[in-house]
Amino acid sequence: MKTSFTFVLLCFQAFAALGFTTVSRPSSSCISISSTQRYMFGGAGGGSPTEDDPEMEASIVQGAAAMNMSVDEYKLAMRAREQLVKTMDSKIVNAGDKDTIFVERDVNNPPRKFDITITEAGKALGREAVSKDLVNTLEKAKTAAGKGRQEAQQEMLKWVQGQAP
């Protein structure tokens, strides 16, 4: 039990270091969109390992040794990472009013999916009102995404605990 708890803590710390936790950043007046890949442990074990591929198996053994883990623990961590990435990509949060200003995004930080809709009714509110509402809506979406990331991490931790012997 102590080993599995230590393993869960190690996974959580690794995910936190890779940006899968809520990070407070100063507000900015511009929005940047970045297309990035997150590779835990330098990308080793990114594909689904097969025992028929000796190079892949050697890569897994090397990655496990580098992290001071057993091969089984390392494979479990890779499956947990893949599951977390899929969950975070598919978990969508919404904020605002569909009739005026609406934000839809995934829970990644930075988001991979990020849509802002400003309808004609929203534009009719005027530049100042749209600006104020947009800032408020973006803040609500950011808060919802943070909660979504926490939920995804909790789901992953429960899954890992269920996998431990």
N, C-alpha and C. Protein backbone atom coordinates (compact mmCIF):
# COMPACT_ATOMS: atom_id res chain seq x y z
N MET A 1 0.83 -1.19 0.00
CA MET A 1 0.00 0.00 0.00
C MET A 1 0.87 1.25 0.00
N LYS A 2 1.98 1.21 0.78
CA LYS A 2 2.86 2.36 0.85
C LYS A 2 3.47 2.65 -0.52
N THR A 3 3.84 1.60 -1.26
CA THR A 3 4.42 1.78 -2.59
C THR A 3 3.43 2.40 -3.55
N SER A 4 2.18 1.95 -3.53
CA SER A 4 1.19 2.51 -4.45
C SER A 4 0.87 3.96 -4.08
N PHE A 5 0.85 4.28 -2.78
CA PHE A 5 0.61 5.67 -2.38
C PHE A 5 1.77 6.55 -2.81
N THR A 6 2.99 6.06 -2.65
CA THR A 6 4.17 6.80 -3.09
C THR A 6 4.12 7.01 -4.60
N PHE A 7 3.71 5.98 -5.32
CA PHE A 7 3.61 6.07 -6.77
C PHE A 7 2.57 7.11 -7.18
N VAL A 8 1.42 7.14 -6.51
CA VAL A 8 0.38 8.12 -6.81
C VAL A 8 0.90 9.52 -6.55
N LEU A 9 1.59 9.71 -5.43
CA LEU A 9 2.15 11.03 -5.14
C LEU A 9 3.17 11.43 -6.18
N LEU A 10 4.01 10.49 -6.62
CA LEU A 10 5.00 10.77 -7.64
C LEU A 10 4.33 11.18 -8.95
N CYS A 11 3.27 10.47 -9.32
CA CYS A 11 2.52 10.83 -10.54
C CYS A 11 1.92 12.22 -10.42
N PHE A 12 1.32 12.51 -9.27
CA PHE A 12 0.70 13.81 -9.08
C PHE A 12 1.73 14.92 -9.16
N GLN A 13 2.90 14.71 -8.56
CA GLN A 13 3.96 15.72 -8.63
C GLN A 13 4.45 15.90 -10.05
N ALA A 14 4.56 14.82 -10.79
CA ALA A 14 5.00 14.91 -12.19
C ALA A 14 3.97 15.68 -13.01
N PHE A 15 2.69 15.42 -12.80
CA PHE A 15 1.65 16.13 -13.54
C PHE A 15 1.64 17.61 -13.16
N ALA A 16 1.86 17.90 -11.90
CA ALA A 16 1.91 19.29 -11.46
C ALA A 16 3.08 20.01 -12.12
N ALA A 17 4.22 19.35 -12.20
CA ALA A 17 5.39 19.96 -12.81
C ALA A 17 5.19 20.19 -14.30
N LEU A 18 4.36 19.38 -14.94
CA LEU A 18 4.13 19.51 -16.37
C LEU A 18 3.00 20.47 -16.71
N GLY A 19 2.42 21.12 -15.74
CA GLY A 19 1.42 22.13 -16.02
C GLY A 19 -0.01 21.63 -16.02
N PHE A 20 -0.26 20.45 -15.46
CA PHE A 20 -1.61 19.94 -15.41
C PHE A 20 -2.37 20.41 -14.19
N THR A 21 -1.82 21.36 -13.47
CA THR A 21 -2.53 21.91 -12.32
C THR A 21 -2.82 23.37 -12.58
N THR A 22 -3.67 23.94 -11.77
CA THR A 22 -4.05 25.33 -11.93
C THR A 22 -2.86 26.21 -11.60
N VAL A 23 -2.56 27.12 -12.50
CA VAL A 23 -1.47 28.06 -12.30
C VAL A 23 -2.03 29.46 -12.45
N SER A 24 -1.82 30.30 -11.47
CA SER A 24 -2.29 31.67 -11.55
C SER A 24 -1.31 32.46 -12.39
N ARG A 25 -1.84 33.15 -13.38
CA ARG A 25 -1.03 33.99 -14.24
C ARG A 25 -1.62 35.38 -14.22
N PRO A 26 -0.77 36.40 -14.39
CA PRO A 26 -1.31 37.74 -14.43
C PRO A 26 -2.21 37.91 -15.65
N SER A 27 -3.24 38.73 -15.49
CA SER A 27 -4.16 38.99 -16.59
C SER A 27 -3.42 39.68 -17.71
N SER A 28 -3.81 39.38 -18.91
CA SER A 28 -3.18 39.97 -20.08
C SER A 28 -4.26 40.48 -21.00
N SER A 29 -3.95 41.54 -21.73
CA SER A 29 -4.96 42.09 -22.62
C SER A 29 -4.98 41.38 -23.96
N CYS A 30 -4.02 40.50 -24.21
CA CYS A 30 -4.05 39.76 -25.47
C CYS A 30 -4.17 38.28 -25.18
N ILE A 31 -4.71 37.59 -26.14
CA ILE A 31 -4.92 36.15 -26.00
C ILE A 31 -3.96 35.46 -26.95
N SER A 32 -3.20 34.53 -26.44
CA SER A 32 -2.32 33.77 -27.32
C SER A 32 -2.77 32.33 -27.32
N ILE A 33 -2.72 31.72 -28.45
CA ILE A 33 -3.11 30.33 -28.59
C ILE A 33 -1.88 29.56 -28.99
N SER A 34 -1.60 28.50 -28.29
CA SER A 34 -0.41 27.73 -28.54
C SER A 34 -0.80 26.29 -28.79
N SER A 35 -0.17 25.70 -29.77
CA SER A 35 -0.40 24.29 -30.05
C SER A 35 0.83 23.53 -29.56
N THR A 36 0.70 22.88 -28.43
CA THR A 36 1.84 22.19 -27.84
C THR A 36 1.47 20.76 -27.53
N GLN A 37 2.48 19.95 -27.44
CA GLN A 37 2.32 18.57 -27.00
C GLN A 37 2.92 18.47 -25.62
N ARG A 38 2.33 17.68 -24.75
CA ARG A 38 2.90 17.46 -23.43
C ARG A 38 3.40 16.02 -23.39
N TYR A 39 4.67 15.86 -23.16
CA TYR A 39 5.25 14.54 -23.08
C TYR A 39 5.83 14.33 -21.69
N MET A 40 5.22 13.44 -20.95
CA MET A 40 5.74 13.14 -19.62
C MET A 40 7.00 12.31 -19.78
N PHE A 41 8.00 12.58 -19.00
CA PHE A 41 9.27 11.85 -19.00
C PHE A 41 9.97 11.95 -20.35
N GLY A 42 9.90 13.12 -20.99
CA GLY A 42 10.65 13.34 -22.23
C GLY A 42 10.09 12.60 -23.42
N GLY A 43 8.88 12.12 -23.36
CA GLY A 43 8.25 11.48 -24.51
C GLY A 43 8.45 9.99 -24.57
N ALA A 44 9.24 9.41 -23.69
CA ALA A 44 9.46 7.97 -23.72
C ALA A 44 8.15 7.26 -23.42
N GLY A 45 7.84 6.24 -24.17
CA GLY A 45 6.63 5.48 -23.93
C GLY A 45 5.39 6.18 -24.44
N GLY A 46 5.55 7.10 -25.40
CA GLY A 46 4.41 7.86 -25.91
C GLY A 46 3.41 7.00 -26.65
N GLY A 47 3.88 5.96 -27.33
CA GLY A 47 2.97 5.07 -28.04
C GLY A 47 2.56 3.93 -27.13
N SER A 48 1.70 3.08 -27.64
CA SER A 48 1.33 1.93 -26.84
C SER A 48 2.41 0.87 -27.00
N PRO A 49 3.06 0.48 -25.90
CA PRO A 49 4.18 -0.45 -25.99
C PRO A 49 3.73 -1.85 -26.40
N THR A 50 4.58 -2.47 -27.18
CA THR A 50 4.32 -3.86 -27.56
C THR A 50 5.55 -4.67 -27.21
N GLU A 51 5.32 -5.90 -26.80
CA GLU A 51 6.45 -6.76 -26.45
C GLU A 51 7.19 -7.23 -27.69
N ASP A 52 6.60 -7.08 -28.88
CA ASP A 52 7.26 -7.49 -30.12
C ASP A 52 8.30 -6.48 -30.58
N ASP A 53 8.29 -5.30 -30.01
CA ASP A 53 9.21 -4.25 -30.42
C ASP A 53 10.31 -4.11 -29.36
N PRO A 54 11.48 -4.68 -29.61
CA PRO A 54 12.54 -4.64 -28.61
C PRO A 54 13.04 -3.21 -28.33
N GLU A 55 13.02 -2.34 -29.33
CA GLU A 55 13.45 -0.96 -29.12
C GLU A 55 12.50 -0.23 -28.17
N MET A 56 11.21 -0.46 -28.35
CA MET A 56 10.22 0.17 -27.48
C MET A 56 10.35 -0.37 -26.06
N GLU A 57 10.54 -1.66 -25.93
CA GLU A 57 10.69 -2.27 -24.61
C GLU A 57 11.95 -1.74 -23.92
N ALA A 58 13.04 -1.58 -24.68
CA ALA A 58 14.28 -1.02 -24.12
C ALA A 58 14.07 0.42 -23.68
N SER A 59 13.30 1.17 -24.47
CA SER A 59 12.99 2.56 -24.12
C SER A 59 12.19 2.62 -22.82
N ILE A 60 11.26 1.71 -22.66
CA ILE A 60 10.45 1.66 -21.44
C ILE A 60 11.32 1.30 -20.23
N VAL A 61 12.20 0.33 -20.41
CA VAL A 61 13.09 -0.07 -19.31
C VAL A 61 13.99 1.10 -18.93
N GLN A 62 14.51 1.80 -19.93
CA GLN A 62 15.38 2.95 -19.67
C GLN A 62 14.62 4.08 -18.97
N GLY A 63 13.40 4.36 -19.43
CA GLY A 63 12.58 5.39 -18.79
C GLY A 63 12.24 5.04 -17.36
N ALA A 64 11.92 3.77 -17.11
CA ALA A 64 11.60 3.32 -15.76
C ALA A 64 12.82 3.47 -14.85
N ALA A 65 13.98 3.11 -15.36
CA ALA A 65 15.20 3.23 -14.56
C ALA A 65 15.50 4.70 -14.26
N ALA A 66 15.29 5.57 -15.22
CA ALA A 66 15.55 7.00 -15.03
C ALA A 66 14.63 7.59 -13.96
N MET A 67 13.42 7.07 -13.85
CA MET A 67 12.46 7.57 -12.86
C MET A 67 12.51 6.76 -11.56
N ASN A 68 13.44 5.78 -11.48
CA ASN A 68 13.58 4.93 -10.30
C ASN A 68 12.27 4.20 -10.00
N MET A 69 11.66 3.65 -11.07
CA MET A 69 10.40 2.93 -10.96
C MET A 69 10.59 1.54 -11.56
N SER A 70 9.70 0.64 -11.20
CA SER A 70 9.69 -0.66 -11.88
C SER A 70 9.06 -0.46 -13.26
N VAL A 71 9.28 -1.41 -14.14
CA VAL A 71 8.72 -1.33 -15.49
C VAL A 71 7.20 -1.31 -15.43
N ASP A 72 6.60 -2.11 -14.54
CA ASP A 72 5.14 -2.12 -14.41
C ASP A 72 4.61 -0.78 -13.92
N GLU A 73 5.29 -0.19 -12.94
CA GLU A 73 4.87 1.12 -12.46
C GLU A 73 4.98 2.17 -13.56
N TYR A 74 6.06 2.09 -14.34
CA TYR A 74 6.27 3.04 -15.43
C TYR A 74 5.17 2.90 -16.49
N LYS A 75 4.84 1.67 -16.84
CA LYS A 75 3.77 1.45 -17.82
C LYS A 75 2.43 1.97 -17.29
N LEU A 76 2.19 1.76 -16.00
CA LEU A 76 0.96 2.28 -15.38
C LEU A 76 0.95 3.81 -15.45
N ALA A 77 2.08 4.43 -15.18
CA ALA A 77 2.16 5.90 -15.25
C ALA A 77 1.90 6.39 -16.68
N MET A 78 2.41 5.67 -17.66
CA MET A 78 2.18 6.06 -19.06
C MET A 78 0.71 5.93 -19.44
N ARG A 79 0.07 4.86 -19.00
CA ARG A 79 -1.36 4.70 -19.27
C ARG A 79 -2.17 5.77 -18.56
N ALA A 80 -1.77 6.11 -17.32
CA ALA A 80 -2.46 7.16 -16.58
C ALA A 80 -2.29 8.50 -17.28
N ARG A 81 -1.10 8.78 -17.79
CA ARG A 81 -0.86 10.04 -18.50
C ARG A 81 -1.71 10.12 -19.76
N GLU A 82 -1.76 9.03 -20.51
CA GLU A 82 -2.58 9.00 -21.73
C GLU A 82 -4.06 9.23 -21.40
N GLN A 83 -4.52 8.59 -20.34
CA GLN A 83 -5.91 8.74 -19.93
C GLN A 83 -6.19 10.18 -19.51
N LEU A 84 -5.28 10.78 -18.77
CA LEU A 84 -5.46 12.16 -18.32
C LEU A 84 -5.50 13.12 -19.51
N VAL A 85 -4.62 12.93 -20.47
CA VAL A 85 -4.61 13.80 -21.66
C VAL A 85 -5.93 13.68 -22.41
N LYS A 86 -6.41 12.46 -22.62
CA LYS A 86 -7.69 12.26 -23.31
C LYS A 86 -8.85 12.91 -22.55
N THR A 87 -8.85 12.74 -21.24
CA THR A 87 -9.91 13.32 -20.41
C THR A 87 -9.89 14.84 -20.51
N MET A 88 -8.71 15.43 -20.41
CA MET A 88 -8.61 16.88 -20.43
C MET A 88 -8.94 17.45 -21.81
N ASP A 89 -8.62 16.71 -22.87
CA ASP A 89 -8.99 17.16 -24.22
C ASP A 89 -10.49 17.09 -24.45
N SER A 90 -11.14 16.10 -23.84
CA SER A 90 -12.57 15.91 -24.10
C SER A 90 -13.47 16.66 -23.12
N LYS A 91 -12.94 17.09 -21.98
CA LYS A 91 -13.75 17.80 -20.99
C LYS A 91 -13.87 19.25 -21.43
N ILE A 92 -15.09 19.68 -21.76
CA ILE A 92 -15.35 21.03 -22.28
C ILE A 92 -16.15 21.82 -21.24
N VAL A 93 -15.73 23.06 -21.01
CA VAL A 93 -16.46 23.95 -20.11
C VAL A 93 -16.99 25.13 -20.91
N ASN A 94 -18.10 25.68 -20.45
CA ASN A 94 -18.75 26.81 -21.11
C ASN A 94 -18.95 27.93 -20.11
N ALA A 95 -18.95 29.15 -20.62
CA ALA A 95 -19.24 30.30 -19.77
C ALA A 95 -19.92 31.37 -20.63
N GLY A 96 -20.74 32.16 -20.00
CA GLY A 96 -21.40 33.26 -20.69
C GLY A 96 -22.81 32.93 -21.13
N ASP A 97 -23.32 33.78 -22.00
CA ASP A 97 -24.69 33.67 -22.49
C ASP A 97 -24.65 33.42 -23.99
N LYS A 98 -25.25 32.34 -24.46
CA LYS A 98 -25.23 32.01 -25.88
C LYS A 98 -25.88 33.10 -26.74
N ASP A 99 -26.72 33.91 -26.14
CA ASP A 99 -27.40 34.96 -26.90
C ASP A 99 -26.52 36.20 -27.10
N THR A 100 -25.47 36.34 -26.29
CA THR A 100 -24.61 37.54 -26.43
C THR A 100 -23.14 37.15 -26.56
N ILE A 101 -22.51 36.78 -25.44
CA ILE A 101 -21.10 36.41 -25.43
C ILE A 101 -20.96 35.05 -24.77
N PHE A 102 -20.28 34.14 -25.48
CA PHE A 102 -20.19 32.76 -25.03
C PHE A 102 -18.78 32.23 -25.27
N VAL A 103 -18.21 31.57 -24.27
CA VAL A 103 -16.87 30.99 -24.38
C VAL A 103 -16.99 29.49 -24.15
N GLU A 104 -16.34 28.74 -25.03
CA GLU A 104 -16.30 27.28 -24.92
C GLU A 104 -14.84 26.86 -25.05
N ARG A 105 -14.36 26.07 -24.08
CA ARG A 105 -12.96 25.65 -24.10
C ARG A 105 -12.78 24.32 -23.40
N ASP A 106 -11.64 23.67 -23.69
CA ASP A 106 -11.32 22.47 -22.94
C ASP A 106 -10.61 22.90 -21.66
N VAL A 107 -10.23 21.93 -20.83
CA VAL A 107 -9.66 22.26 -19.53
C VAL A 107 -8.14 22.29 -19.52
N ASN A 108 -7.50 22.11 -20.69
CA ASN A 108 -6.05 22.21 -20.77
C ASN A 108 -5.60 23.62 -20.46
N ASN A 109 -4.35 23.75 -20.02
CA ASN A 109 -3.77 25.07 -19.76
C ASN A 109 -2.41 25.15 -20.43
N PRO A 110 -2.30 25.80 -21.57
CA PRO A 110 -3.28 26.58 -22.33
C PRO A 110 -4.26 25.65 -23.05
N PRO A 111 -5.44 26.17 -23.36
CA PRO A 111 -6.45 25.32 -24.00
C PRO A 111 -6.08 24.95 -25.42
N ARG A 112 -6.48 23.75 -25.82
CA ARG A 112 -6.32 23.33 -27.22
C ARG A 112 -7.55 23.72 -28.02
N LYS A 113 -8.71 23.66 -27.37
CA LYS A 113 -9.96 24.11 -28.00
C LYS A 113 -10.38 25.37 -27.26
N PHE A 114 -10.59 26.45 -27.98
CA PHE A 114 -10.93 27.72 -27.37
C PHE A 114 -11.76 28.52 -28.36
N ASP A 115 -13.07 28.61 -28.12
CA ASP A 115 -13.96 29.32 -29.02
C ASP A 115 -14.67 30.44 -28.27
N ILE A 116 -14.68 31.62 -28.88
CA ILE A 116 -15.41 32.76 -28.34
C ILE A 116 -16.46 33.14 -29.37
N THR A 117 -17.71 33.25 -28.94
CA THR A 117 -18.80 33.65 -29.82
C THR A 117 -19.40 34.95 -29.31
N ILE A 118 -19.40 35.96 -30.17
CA ILE A 118 -20.07 37.23 -29.86
C ILE A 118 -21.13 37.42 -30.94
N THR A 119 -22.38 37.35 -30.54
CA THR A 119 -23.49 37.45 -31.48
C THR A 119 -23.76 38.91 -31.83
N GLU A 120 -24.65 39.10 -32.79
CA GLU A 120 -25.05 40.46 -33.16
C GLU A 120 -25.71 41.17 -31.98
N ALA A 121 -26.48 40.41 -31.20
CA ALA A 121 -27.09 41.00 -30.00
C ALA A 121 -26.01 41.42 -29.00
N GLY A 122 -24.94 40.65 -28.93
CA GLY A 122 -23.83 41.02 -28.06
C GLY A 122 -23.13 42.27 -28.55
N LYS A 123 -22.93 42.36 -29.86
CA LYS A 123 -22.28 43.55 -30.44
C LYS A 123 -23.12 44.80 -30.22
N ALA A 124 -24.44 44.63 -30.20
CA ALA A 124 -25.34 45.76 -30.02
C ALA A 124 -25.22 46.37 -28.61
N LEU A 125 -24.62 45.65 -27.69
CA LEU A 125 -24.43 46.17 -26.34
C LEU A 125 -23.43 47.33 -26.30
N GLY A 126 -22.60 47.40 -27.30
CA GLY A 126 -21.60 48.46 -27.34
C GLY A 126 -20.22 47.94 -26.97
N ARG A 127 -19.22 48.64 -27.44
CA ARG A 127 -17.83 48.21 -27.28
C ARG A 127 -17.44 48.04 -25.81
N GLU A 128 -17.78 49.01 -24.99
CA GLU A 128 -17.40 48.97 -23.58
C GLU A 128 -18.07 47.81 -22.84
N ALA A 129 -19.35 47.62 -23.09
CA ALA A 129 -20.09 46.53 -22.43
C ALA A 129 -19.58 45.17 -22.91
N VAL A 130 -19.30 45.05 -24.20
CA VAL A 130 -18.78 43.79 -24.74
C VAL A 130 -17.43 43.49 -24.11
N SER A 131 -16.59 44.49 -24.02
CA SER A 131 -15.27 44.31 -23.43
C SER A 131 -15.38 43.83 -21.98
N LYS A 132 -16.22 44.48 -21.21
CA LYS A 132 -16.39 44.12 -19.81
C LYS A 132 -16.97 42.72 -19.67
N ASP A 133 -18.02 42.41 -20.45
CA ASP A 133 -18.63 41.08 -20.38
C ASP A 133 -17.67 39.99 -20.84
N LEU A 134 -16.88 40.29 -21.86
CA LEU A 134 -15.92 39.31 -22.37
C LEU A 134 -14.87 38.98 -21.30
N VAL A 135 -14.36 39.99 -20.63
CA VAL A 135 -13.38 39.75 -19.56
C VAL A 135 -13.99 38.91 -18.46
N ASN A 136 -15.21 39.22 -18.05
CA ASN A 136 -15.89 38.44 -17.00
C ASN A 136 -16.14 37.01 -17.45
N THR A 137 -16.56 36.84 -18.70
CA THR A 137 -16.83 35.51 -19.22
C THR A 137 -15.55 34.68 -19.32
N LEU A 138 -14.46 35.31 -19.76
CA LEU A 138 -13.18 34.60 -19.83
C LEU A 138 -12.71 34.18 -18.45
N GLU A 139 -12.90 35.02 -17.47
CA GLU A 139 -12.52 34.69 -16.09
C GLU A 139 -13.34 33.51 -15.57
N LYS A 140 -14.65 33.51 -15.86
CA LYS A 140 -15.51 32.39 -15.45
C LYS A 140 -15.07 31.10 -16.14
N ALA A 141 -14.73 31.19 -17.42
CA ALA A 141 -14.27 30.00 -18.16
C ALA A 141 -12.95 29.49 -17.59
N LYS A 142 -12.06 30.39 -17.23
CA LYS A 142 -10.77 30.00 -16.63
C LYS A 142 -11.00 29.28 -15.31
N THR A 143 -11.89 29.79 -14.49
CA THR A 143 -12.20 29.17 -13.20
C THR A 143 -12.83 27.79 -13.41
N ALA A 144 -13.75 27.69 -14.35
CA ALA A 144 -14.39 26.40 -14.65
C ALA A 144 -13.37 25.40 -15.18
N ALA A 145 -12.44 25.86 -16.00
CA ALA A 145 -11.40 24.98 -16.53
C ALA A 145 -10.50 24.47 -15.41
N GLY A 146 -10.18 25.33 -14.46
CA GLY A 146 -9.38 24.90 -13.31
C GLY A 146 -10.07 23.81 -12.52
N LYS A 147 -11.36 23.96 -12.31
CA LYS A 147 -12.13 22.93 -11.61
C LYS A 147 -12.17 21.65 -12.44
N GLY A 148 -12.30 21.80 -13.76
CA GLY A 148 -12.31 20.63 -14.64
C GLY A 148 -10.98 19.89 -14.61
N ARG A 149 -9.86 20.63 -14.55
CA ARG A 149 -8.55 19.98 -14.45
C ARG A 149 -8.44 19.20 -13.15
N GLN A 150 -8.91 19.81 -12.06
CA GLN A 150 -8.87 19.12 -10.77
C GLN A 150 -9.71 17.84 -10.81
N GLU A 151 -10.89 17.90 -11.42
CA GLU A 151 -11.74 16.72 -11.55
C GLU A 151 -11.04 15.64 -12.37
N ALA A 152 -10.40 16.04 -13.47
CA ALA A 152 -9.69 15.08 -14.32
C ALA A 152 -8.54 14.43 -13.56
N GLN A 153 -7.82 15.22 -12.77
CA GLN A 153 -6.73 14.67 -11.97
C GLN A 153 -7.25 13.70 -10.92
N GLN A 154 -8.37 14.04 -10.28
CA GLN A 154 -8.95 13.15 -9.28
C GLN A 154 -9.41 11.84 -9.92
N GLU A 155 -10.00 11.92 -11.11
CA GLU A 155 -10.41 10.71 -11.83
C GLU A 155 -9.20 9.84 -12.14
N MET A 156 -8.10 10.48 -12.58
CA MET A 156 -6.89 9.74 -12.90
C MET A 156 -6.32 9.08 -11.64
N LEU A 157 -6.29 9.79 -10.53
CA LEU A 157 -5.76 9.23 -9.29
C LEU A 157 -6.61 8.04 -8.81
N LYS A 158 -7.93 8.15 -8.93
CA LYS A 158 -8.80 7.03 -8.56
C LYS A 158 -8.54 5.83 -9.46
N TRP A 159 -8.34 6.11 -10.75
CA TRP A 159 -8.05 5.02 -11.69
C TRP A 159 -6.75 4.34 -11.33
N VAL A 160 -5.69 5.12 -11.00
CA VAL A 160 -4.41 4.55 -10.63
C VAL A 160 -4.55 3.71 -9.37
N GLN A 161 -5.28 4.21 -8.38
CA GLN A 161 -5.48 3.45 -7.14
C GLN A 161 -6.21 2.15 -7.42
N GLY A 162 -7.13 2.16 -8.37
CA GLY A 162 -7.85 0.95 -8.73
C GLY A 162 -6.97 -0.07 -9.46
N GLN A 163 -5.90 0.40 -10.10
CA GLN A 163 -4.99 -0.46 -10.85
C GLN A 163 -3.92 -1.08 -9.95
N ALA A 164 -3.61 -0.43 -8.83
CA ALA A 164 -2.54 -0.91 -7.94
C ALA A 164 -2.93 -2.23 -7.33
N PRO A 165 -1.95 -3.14 -7.20
CA PRO A 165 -2.25 -4.46 -6.63
C PRO A 165 -2.55 -4.41 -5.16
